[in-house]
Each structure stands twice: as structure tokens, then as C-alpha cells.
Protein backbone atom coordinates (compact mmCIF):
# COMPACT_ATOMS: atom_id res chain seq x y z
CA UNK A 1 27.87 -69.37 39.48
CA UNK A 2 25.21 -71.95 40.18
CA UNK A 3 23.93 -74.48 37.67
CA UNK A 4 20.14 -74.61 37.79
CA UNK A 5 18.51 -77.99 37.48
CA UNK A 6 14.83 -78.19 36.67
CA UNK A 7 12.41 -79.87 34.31
CA UNK A 8 12.45 -78.88 30.65
CA UNK A 9 15.54 -78.17 28.58
CA UNK A 10 19.07 -77.08 29.27
CA UNK A 11 20.62 -74.21 27.41
CA UNK A 12 23.84 -72.42 28.20
CA UNK A 13 25.73 -69.69 26.40
CA UNK A 14 29.35 -68.56 26.48
CA UNK A 15 30.54 -65.35 24.87
CA UNK A 16 33.63 -63.47 23.80
CA UNK A 17 32.60 -59.94 24.60
CA UNK A 18 33.62 -56.36 24.98
CA UNK A 19 36.42 -55.73 27.39
CA UNK A 20 35.64 -54.77 30.94
CA UNK A 21 35.97 -55.92 34.47
CA UNK A 22 32.74 -56.50 36.32
CA UNK A 23 30.57 -59.12 37.89
CA UNK A 24 26.91 -59.46 37.04
CA UNK A 25 24.66 -62.11 38.44
CA UNK A 26 20.98 -61.74 37.55
CA UNK A 27 19.68 -64.97 38.99
CA UNK A 28 23.25 -66.12 39.55
CA UNK A 29 23.67 -67.14 35.93
CA UNK A 30 25.66 -64.36 34.27
CA UNK A 31 29.23 -63.30 34.89
CA UNK A 32 31.66 -61.04 33.11
CA UNK A 33 35.22 -61.86 34.00
CA UNK A 34 38.14 -59.41 34.22
CA UNK A 35 39.63 -60.75 31.00
CA UNK A 36 36.63 -59.66 29.00
CA UNK A 37 34.78 -62.97 28.67
CA UNK A 38 31.10 -63.33 29.42
CA UNK A 39 29.79 -66.76 30.25
CA UNK A 40 26.51 -68.16 31.44
CA UNK A 41 25.75 -71.59 32.80
CA UNK A 42 22.09 -72.35 33.10
CA UNK A 43 20.23 -75.57 32.97
CA UNK A 44 16.76 -76.81 33.00
CA UNK A 45 16.48 -80.39 32.54
CA UNK A 46 16.95 -82.45 29.43
CA UNK A 47 15.32 -83.21 26.17
CA UNK A 48 12.23 -81.26 25.18
CA UNK A 49 12.50 -78.49 22.58
CA UNK A 50 12.25 -75.05 24.16
CA UNK A 51 10.77 -71.90 22.84
CA UNK A 52 13.33 -69.47 23.98
CA UNK A 53 14.85 -67.20 26.58
CA UNK A 54 17.87 -65.60 28.69
CA UNK A 55 18.83 -63.49 31.94
CA UNK A 56 16.04 -61.84 33.60
CA UNK A 57 15.40 -58.60 35.36
CA UNK A 58 13.07 -55.62 34.96
CA UNK A 59 11.95 -54.92 31.42
CA UNK A 60 9.70 -52.55 29.54
CA UNK A 61 6.65 -53.58 27.58
CA UNK A 62 5.61 -51.49 24.65
CA UNK A 63 2.60 -51.21 22.40
CA UNK A 64 2.38 -49.84 18.91
CA UNK A 65 4.76 -47.44 17.21
CA UNK A 66 7.30 -46.10 19.65
CA UNK A 67 10.78 -44.92 20.36
CA UNK A 68 12.72 -47.96 21.66
CA UNK A 69 12.44 -48.53 25.38
CA UNK A 70 14.90 -50.09 27.78
CA UNK A 71 14.68 -53.51 29.35
CA UNK A 72 17.16 -56.10 30.56
CA UNK A 73 18.87 -58.61 28.36
CA UNK A 74 21.74 -60.97 28.07
CA UNK A 75 22.89 -62.80 25.02
CA UNK A 76 25.37 -63.29 22.27
CA UNK A 77 28.04 -60.90 21.13
CA UNK A 78 31.20 -60.94 19.10
CA UNK A 79 34.75 -60.46 20.25
CA UNK A 80 35.70 -56.82 20.65
CA UNK A 81 39.18 -57.12 22.08
CA UNK A 82 40.11 -56.70 25.72
CA UNK A 83 42.82 -58.44 27.66
CA UNK A 84 42.72 -62.13 26.89
CA UNK A 85 39.87 -61.77 24.38
CA UNK A 86 40.02 -62.52 20.64
CA UNK A 87 40.54 -59.88 17.97
CA UNK A 88 37.78 -57.39 17.26
CA UNK A 89 35.09 -57.99 14.67
CA UNK A 90 35.57 -55.57 11.75
CA UNK A 91 33.35 -52.53 11.84
CA UNK A 92 30.53 -52.33 9.33
CA UNK A 93 30.93 -50.20 6.24
CA UNK A 94 28.27 -47.50 5.82
CA UNK A 95 25.11 -48.85 4.24
CA UNK A 96 24.15 -47.66 0.79
CA UNK A 97 20.60 -47.45 -0.49
CA UNK A 98 17.37 -48.50 1.21
CA UNK A 99 17.63 -51.51 3.49
CA UNK A 100 14.89 -54.12 3.43
CA UNK A 101 14.34 -57.43 5.15
CA UNK A 102 16.16 -60.23 3.34
CA UNK A 103 13.87 -63.15 2.53
CA UNK A 104 15.75 -65.44 0.14
CA UNK A 105 13.47 -68.46 0.21
CA UNK A 106 14.90 -70.54 -2.63
CA UNK A 107 17.92 -71.89 -0.77
CA UNK A 108 20.23 -69.35 -2.43
CA UNK A 109 22.46 -68.89 0.58
CA UNK A 110 25.68 -69.34 -1.34
CA UNK A 111 27.87 -72.40 -1.78
CA UNK A 112 27.84 -74.34 1.46
CA UNK A 113 30.63 -76.94 1.53
CA UNK A 114 30.11 -80.25 3.30
CA UNK A 115 33.26 -81.52 5.02
CA UNK A 116 34.06 -85.21 4.98
CA UNK A 117 34.27 -87.43 8.02
CA UNK A 118 31.36 -85.91 9.94
CA UNK A 119 29.50 -87.71 12.70
CA UNK A 120 25.74 -88.18 12.38
CA UNK A 121 25.12 -85.37 14.85
CA UNK A 122 27.49 -83.02 12.98
CA UNK A 123 25.72 -83.81 9.71
CA UNK A 124 22.36 -83.00 11.32
CA UNK A 125 23.73 -79.74 12.69
CA UNK A 126 25.24 -78.74 9.34
CA UNK A 127 21.99 -79.45 7.50
CA UNK A 128 19.73 -77.56 9.91
CA UNK A 129 22.00 -74.53 10.21
CA UNK A 130 22.41 -73.90 6.51
CA UNK A 131 18.85 -74.79 5.51
CA UNK A 132 17.59 -72.24 8.03
CA UNK A 133 20.13 -69.60 7.00
CA UNK A 134 19.21 -70.09 3.33
CA UNK A 135 15.52 -69.65 4.14
CA UNK A 136 16.06 -66.27 5.81
CA UNK A 137 18.64 -65.01 3.31
CA UNK A 138 21.65 -65.27 5.60
CA UNK A 139 24.83 -66.41 3.80
CA UNK A 140 25.76 -69.99 4.51
CA UNK A 141 28.00 -70.86 7.41
CA UNK A 142 31.06 -73.07 7.13
CA UNK A 143 31.55 -76.06 9.38
CA UNK A 144 35.23 -75.81 10.34
CA UNK A 145 37.10 -78.98 11.35
CA UNK A 146 39.08 -77.25 14.09
CA UNK A 147 35.86 -75.87 15.63
CA UNK A 148 34.35 -79.35 15.48
CA UNK A 149 37.40 -80.45 17.46
CA UNK A 150 37.12 -77.72 20.11
CA UNK A 151 33.39 -78.33 20.53
CA UNK A 152 33.84 -82.10 20.76
CA UNK A 153 36.71 -81.78 23.22
CA UNK A 154 34.57 -79.59 25.47
CA UNK A 155 31.68 -82.07 25.41
CA UNK A 156 34.11 -84.86 26.26
CA UNK A 157 35.25 -82.78 29.24
CA UNK A 158 31.65 -82.09 30.31
CA UNK A 159 30.59 -85.74 29.98
CA UNK A 160 33.65 -86.99 31.85
CA UNK A 161 32.91 -84.68 34.79
CA UNK A 162 29.14 -85.02 35.15
CA UNK A 163 29.55 -86.32 38.69
CA UNK A 164 31.63 -83.31 39.79
CA UNK A 165 29.77 -80.08 40.57
CA UNK A 166 33.13 -78.35 40.91
CA UNK A 167 34.29 -79.26 37.41
CA UNK A 168 31.05 -78.18 35.68
CA UNK A 169 29.87 -75.41 38.01
CA UNK A 170 29.91 -73.20 34.90
CA UNK A 171 29.14 -75.40 31.92
CA UNK A 172 31.40 -73.35 29.63
CA UNK A 173 34.43 -73.05 31.90
CA UNK A 174 36.83 -75.98 32.27
CA UNK A 175 38.70 -76.40 35.55
CA UNK A 176 42.37 -77.34 35.53
CA UNK A 177 42.93 -80.77 37.05
CA UNK A 178 39.54 -82.16 35.99
CA UNK A 179 39.37 -85.06 33.53
CA UNK A 180 39.95 -84.15 29.86
CA UNK A 181 40.77 -80.52 30.69
CA UNK A 182 41.87 -78.47 27.65
CA UNK A 183 41.60 -74.78 28.61
CA UNK A 184 39.35 -72.70 30.82
CA UNK A 185 37.67 -70.52 28.17
CA UNK A 186 36.08 -71.54 24.89
CA UNK A 187 38.07 -69.02 22.80
CA UNK A 188 41.33 -70.51 24.08
CA UNK A 189 40.05 -74.01 23.30
CA UNK A 190 39.21 -72.89 19.76
CA UNK A 191 42.70 -71.53 19.10
CA UNK A 192 44.31 -74.52 20.84
CA UNK A 193 42.41 -76.77 18.41
CA UNK A 194 44.01 -74.86 15.52
CA UNK A 195 41.29 -72.38 14.61
CA UNK A 196 42.96 -69.31 13.06
CA UNK A 197 39.90 -67.04 12.84
CA UNK A 198 38.30 -64.84 15.51
CA UNK A 199 36.33 -66.85 18.12
CA UNK A 200 32.98 -65.27 18.97
CA UNK A 201 30.59 -67.47 20.98
CA UNK A 202 29.72 -70.90 22.29
CA UNK A 203 26.26 -72.50 22.61
CA UNK A 204 25.55 -75.51 24.81
CA UNK A 205 22.57 -77.81 25.22
CA UNK A 206 22.39 -81.12 27.03
CA UNK A 207 20.88 -83.82 24.80
CA UNK A 208 23.67 -85.46 22.74
CA UNK A 209 21.36 -84.96 19.76
CA UNK A 210 22.13 -82.55 16.93
CA UNK A 211 18.51 -82.14 15.84
CA UNK A 212 17.22 -81.52 19.36
CA UNK A 213 20.02 -79.09 20.21
CA UNK A 214 19.53 -77.00 17.05
CA UNK A 215 15.79 -76.91 17.67
CA UNK A 216 16.38 -75.59 21.17
CA UNK A 217 18.95 -73.01 20.10
CA UNK A 218 16.98 -71.69 17.12
CA UNK A 219 13.78 -71.49 19.19
CA UNK A 220 15.50 -69.25 21.74
CA UNK A 221 16.85 -65.69 21.85
CA UNK A 222 20.57 -65.53 22.63
CA UNK A 223 21.48 -68.99 21.34
CA UNK A 224 19.71 -68.30 18.05
CA UNK A 225 21.74 -65.16 17.41
CA UNK A 226 25.15 -66.58 16.38
CA UNK A 227 23.56 -69.47 14.48
CA UNK A 228 21.61 -67.23 12.10
CA UNK A 229 23.58 -63.96 12.09
CA UNK A 230 24.83 -63.07 8.59
CA UNK A 231 28.09 -61.88 10.18
CA UNK A 232 28.92 -65.11 12.03
CA UNK A 233 30.07 -67.59 9.41
CA UNK A 234 32.29 -70.25 11.03
CA UNK A 235 31.05 -72.91 13.42
CA UNK A 236 31.67 -76.39 14.70
CA UNK A 237 29.55 -78.90 16.58
CA UNK A 238 30.50 -81.61 19.04
CA UNK A 239 28.56 -83.95 21.28
CA UNK A 240 28.97 -86.50 24.06
CA UNK A 241 26.80 -87.94 26.81
CA UNK A 242 24.33 -85.22 27.92
CA UNK A 243 26.21 -82.57 25.97
CA UNK A 244 25.95 -80.59 22.74
CA UNK A 245 28.39 -77.75 22.07
CA UNK A 246 28.53 -75.37 19.12
CA UNK A 247 31.59 -73.14 18.82
CA UNK A 248 31.52 -70.03 16.60
CA UNK A 249 33.99 -67.76 14.84
CA UNK A 250 33.42 -64.62 12.79
CA UNK A 251 34.49 -66.19 9.48
CA UNK A 252 33.85 -64.82 6.01
CA UNK A 253 32.46 -61.33 5.45
CA UNK A 254 28.85 -60.60 4.50
CA UNK A 255 27.25 -57.40 3.16
CA UNK A 256 26.99 -54.79 5.90
CA UNK A 257 23.62 -53.53 4.61
CA UNK A 258 21.98 -56.97 4.65
CA UNK A 259 18.90 -57.24 6.86
CA UNK A 260 17.35 -60.64 7.59
CA UNK A 261 14.71 -61.81 10.02
CA UNK A 262 13.67 -64.94 11.85
CA UNK A 263 10.89 -65.91 11.48
CA UNK A 264 11.25 -64.89 7.84
CA UNK A 265 8.60 -63.15 5.77
CA UNK A 266 5.82 -65.59 4.88
CA UNK A 267 6.99 -68.34 7.24
CA UNK A 268 4.27 -70.71 8.44
CA UNK A 269 4.11 -73.19 11.31
CA UNK A 270 5.77 -70.74 13.72
CA UNK A 271 5.49 -71.74 17.41
CA UNK A 272 3.13 -69.68 19.54
CA UNK A 273 5.13 -69.40 22.76
CA UNK A 274 8.54 -69.01 24.29
CA UNK A 275 9.70 -70.23 27.72
CA UNK A 276 12.46 -67.78 28.57
CA UNK A 277 13.09 -69.38 31.94
CA UNK A 278 14.53 -72.39 30.09
CA UNK A 279 17.46 -70.48 28.63
CA UNK A 280 20.47 -69.19 30.48
CA UNK A 281 20.93 -66.36 30.86
CA UNK A 282 17.17 -65.59 30.78
CA UNK A 283 15.82 -62.69 28.66
CA UNK A 284 13.58 -59.88 29.93
CA UNK A 285 10.50 -61.45 31.48
CA UNK A 286 7.07 -60.13 30.47
CA UNK A 287 4.89 -58.56 33.19
CA UNK A 288 2.84 -61.72 33.70
CA UNK A 289 5.81 -64.10 33.50
CA UNK A 290 6.58 -66.90 31.08
CA UNK A 291 5.65 -68.11 28.55
CA UNK A 292 5.68 -65.14 26.20
CA UNK A 293 5.05 -64.98 22.49
CA UNK A 294 7.60 -66.48 20.13
CA UNK A 295 10.72 -64.26 19.68
CA UNK A 296 11.32 -62.39 16.43
CA UNK A 297 14.87 -61.43 15.42
CA UNK A 298 15.74 -58.61 13.04
CA UNK A 299 19.45 -58.78 12.19
CA UNK A 300 20.79 -55.30 11.39
CA UNK A 301 24.49 -54.49 11.38
CA UNK A 302 25.70 -51.27 12.93
CA UNK A 303 23.44 -51.12 15.99
CA UNK A 304 26.48 -49.80 17.85
CA UNK A 305 27.65 -47.63 14.94
CA UNK A 306 24.76 -45.26 14.48
CA UNK A 307 21.77 -47.36 13.42
CA UNK A 308 18.66 -45.96 15.12
CA UNK A 309 15.32 -47.75 15.34
CA UNK A 310 12.40 -45.38 15.90
CA UNK A 311 9.46 -47.72 15.28
CA UNK A 312 8.75 -51.27 16.41
CA UNK A 313 5.25 -52.63 15.94
CA UNK A 314 3.84 -56.11 16.51
CA UNK A 315 0.24 -56.89 15.61
CA UNK A 316 -2.24 -59.37 14.26
CA UNK A 317 -2.68 -58.67 10.54
CA UNK A 318 -5.68 -56.37 10.35
CA UNK A 319 -5.91 -56.29 14.12
CA UNK A 320 -4.70 -54.56 17.25
CA UNK A 321 -1.14 -53.84 18.26
CA UNK A 322 0.38 -56.26 20.80
CA UNK A 323 2.20 -55.24 23.97
CA UNK A 324 5.68 -56.72 23.60
CA UNK A 325 9.22 -56.83 24.90
CA UNK A 326 11.80 -54.88 22.89
CA UNK A 327 15.44 -55.88 23.29
CA UNK A 328 18.38 -54.05 21.69
CA UNK A 329 22.14 -53.84 22.24
CA UNK A 330 21.45 -50.74 24.37
CA UNK A 331 19.21 -52.63 26.80
CA UNK A 332 20.89 -52.72 30.23
CA UNK A 333 23.13 -55.78 30.70
CA UNK A 334 22.88 -56.45 26.97
CA UNK A 335 25.44 -58.60 25.19
CA UNK A 336 23.54 -58.53 21.91
CA UNK A 337 25.09 -57.20 18.71
CA UNK A 338 23.81 -56.62 15.18
CA UNK A 339 20.25 -57.57 16.05
CA UNK A 340 17.07 -56.49 17.81
CA UNK A 341 14.51 -58.88 19.27
CA UNK A 342 10.85 -58.51 20.13
CA UNK A 343 8.27 -60.91 21.53
CA UNK A 344 4.69 -60.55 22.72
CA UNK A 345 4.00 -60.36 26.43
CA UNK A 346 1.55 -63.24 26.03
CA UNK A 347 1.66 -66.42 23.90
CA UNK A 348 0.46 -65.96 20.34
CA UNK A 349 -2.77 -67.43 18.99
CA UNK A 350 -2.66 -70.60 16.89
CA UNK A 351 -3.30 -70.43 13.13
CA UNK A 352 -3.00 -66.64 13.10
CA UNK A 353 -0.96 -64.32 10.88
CA UNK A 354 1.11 -61.61 12.56
CA UNK A 355 2.81 -58.47 11.24
CA UNK A 356 6.14 -57.09 12.49
CA UNK A 357 7.26 -53.62 11.44
CA UNK A 358 10.67 -52.22 12.40
CA UNK A 359 11.85 -48.90 10.97
CA UNK A 360 14.53 -46.28 11.49
CA UNK A 361 17.82 -45.14 9.99
CA UNK A 362 20.88 -47.27 9.25
CA UNK A 363 24.44 -46.46 10.27
CA UNK A 364 25.12 -44.95 6.84
CA UNK A 365 21.94 -42.86 6.82
CA UNK A 366 19.87 -45.24 4.69
CA UNK A 367 16.26 -45.91 5.61
CA UNK A 368 15.51 -49.12 7.50
CA UNK A 369 11.94 -50.31 6.89
CA UNK A 370 11.30 -53.98 7.66
CA UNK A 371 7.81 -55.45 7.24
CA UNK A 372 7.29 -59.19 7.64
CA UNK A 373 4.31 -61.45 8.26
CA UNK A 374 4.35 -64.99 9.65
CA UNK A 375 1.67 -67.51 10.57
CA UNK A 376 1.59 -69.62 13.72
CA UNK A 377 1.13 -73.36 13.84
């Protein structure tokens, strides 16, 4: 796997995924190993805040109300067993009653404990994660000391080996014999640090700045997913020279019929564009290339358990439908779970209000009917 170096930002994503033995390399930045782990190591330069992206390939644009189409995606998923992989994420219980987009805007995301002894960067990460989760209605996440340790240890390894292309050929994979080596895969590093939950994902950026890294991850596709998912509740953050790492575990349960979105309903100051080539792996590229419109997440549990989306619409309020990319867990090469993502083929217009409508049937037979509006900066 090559490590791209270019201007802009660096983002890299490691995943504990469904079992399987294959090798995938869209752009050389995506591999699935025989032990069931999926990792990506992509880079693109250092310090500006991105507006999204992951691994590329052919994709389908769509306009208006439609049956979901198929594109290409990479991204975040949870552990689902497999040799050498962590324990499976519990299946969702059938939904009951109508499901609507969650938009808890008063900070009522639950009790969010603040551990003692945090670094400045960890404090920044904790604040941004839970403020954003509270705004969308996603239950708060818990910063776990052992995950802080695994994330910090990995950044120490990365920083110590910056001069060695062999040691950091894949930003997520440590190489035995290199300085500060702990373990090859992030899920092993999490358990070695004492984490007793189910490891699920690892985000990386390359700033040594908690605020910058969270801005990059949240303004992306795959890196955003574990940060804001209602069903990913444990995380830790670590940093070192030119490195930010966030390690995730499944953590506490959350209601299976909860639906939340990002941007959330009524959000203002939303960015207009998304540079998918600055995230690794890169998401489906629009027909005219990057940048695209800003990505919209709809988190819905049970996408692999019977949830069916029959309508996805993206428009200017009172205006025409927008051609857009539609990404689901069924998209070829997908490693996305419990979420769908859409983004316009072209950058959005400043100071404009947009409408997103996603509808279908939940895993338990309940109606899914999500309508949100947001306004660009």
C-alpha cells in the first residue's frame, strides 16, 4: 500500500470489519487482510481543514426520488467477527413505531463524563465530539483511558518512524522491529492497552492538533461515521508530532430505532463543498470530479438487517432536485454500516437552504421518513 503525499490534508482510516480474505486496491489505498481487518493509509499534506472523502471508483449519480442506485464506497464499519477480529456488534432489535430524524438541539445527549488528567488535545477532542453528538441527538460518547493510551501509543510509533517509509507504509499498521512498536493492528493495540470492549475503528489525521483533526474527520465521509454514530460510544484520542489518532469501541447501547443526521435539521453555516480526494480511502467521485457538495449522513440502524430506503431526494428548498451521489452499505466495496450518505455532484451555493428527504421501511417494518433542512455558510 502506498502513502500518498500531496498538498491539503491527511486523513487515514483503519477498520475492524466483516470477515473475509481478499485484496482490494482502488487507487492503492484500500486493503482487506485475511484476518478480517480493513485498513487504509492515505495522505494529502498537512494542516488545512478538509471537506470530506474516501476510495474512489465508478459511481452512480441520481436525481430526485428514486430507488437506491449503486456506486463505489469505502469507509467505517464495526467488528463482525472473523479470524483475528474483535467480537461482533450486537444486532439491532426490531424498530417500533414511526422513525424520524433525531434533532436534539439543547445539548441533551446524556451525561457525558469528563475524565481527569487529559492533555489539551484530548480535552479539545472530548469537547468537540460530545458537543456535536448532542446537537444531532446522538448519545454522548465516553472517552476511555485505555483507548487514549492505545491512540497515544500509536501516534508515538508514527512520530518516531516518520523517516522510515517501511515502518509507516500503511499509517495504521505497525511493523515489528520499528521504534515504539506495540502491535500490528489497532484492535490488538486497544486490547493490549487494557480496553475490554469491542474495538471498531481507528481514525488518523496528521496535525498534532485536536481541533484541526476533529474538523477534518467530521467534515469527511468515512472518518465522520464512527465519531457521530449513535452506536459507537467509546473512543480515545492521542497525538504526537504530525499525528492524531482516534481509537473507537462499540461501548454502551443506544436505541435501535434512533435516527440522526449530520448536518442536523436547521443547522446553519454548513460548508458548501467536499474534497473527497483528500480522504483515504476516497469516496465515489462525482462525474465532473472533486469538489462535490458537502456530505450528508443519515444514521439508521439495521441497513444490513432489512431496512430498505426507497426515496432519496436532495434539493434547494422550493427549487429543483440536485443530481447527487448515494452511498449505502450495499454499494460495491462498501465498509459502511448503520448509515447512508449523499452529496451533490457539484459544490453547493453559499447562503442557501437545502432539503434532504430519505424514506423507506425500517428493519422492524416501521416507516422511515427523514426530512431535514440546512443552510450553507
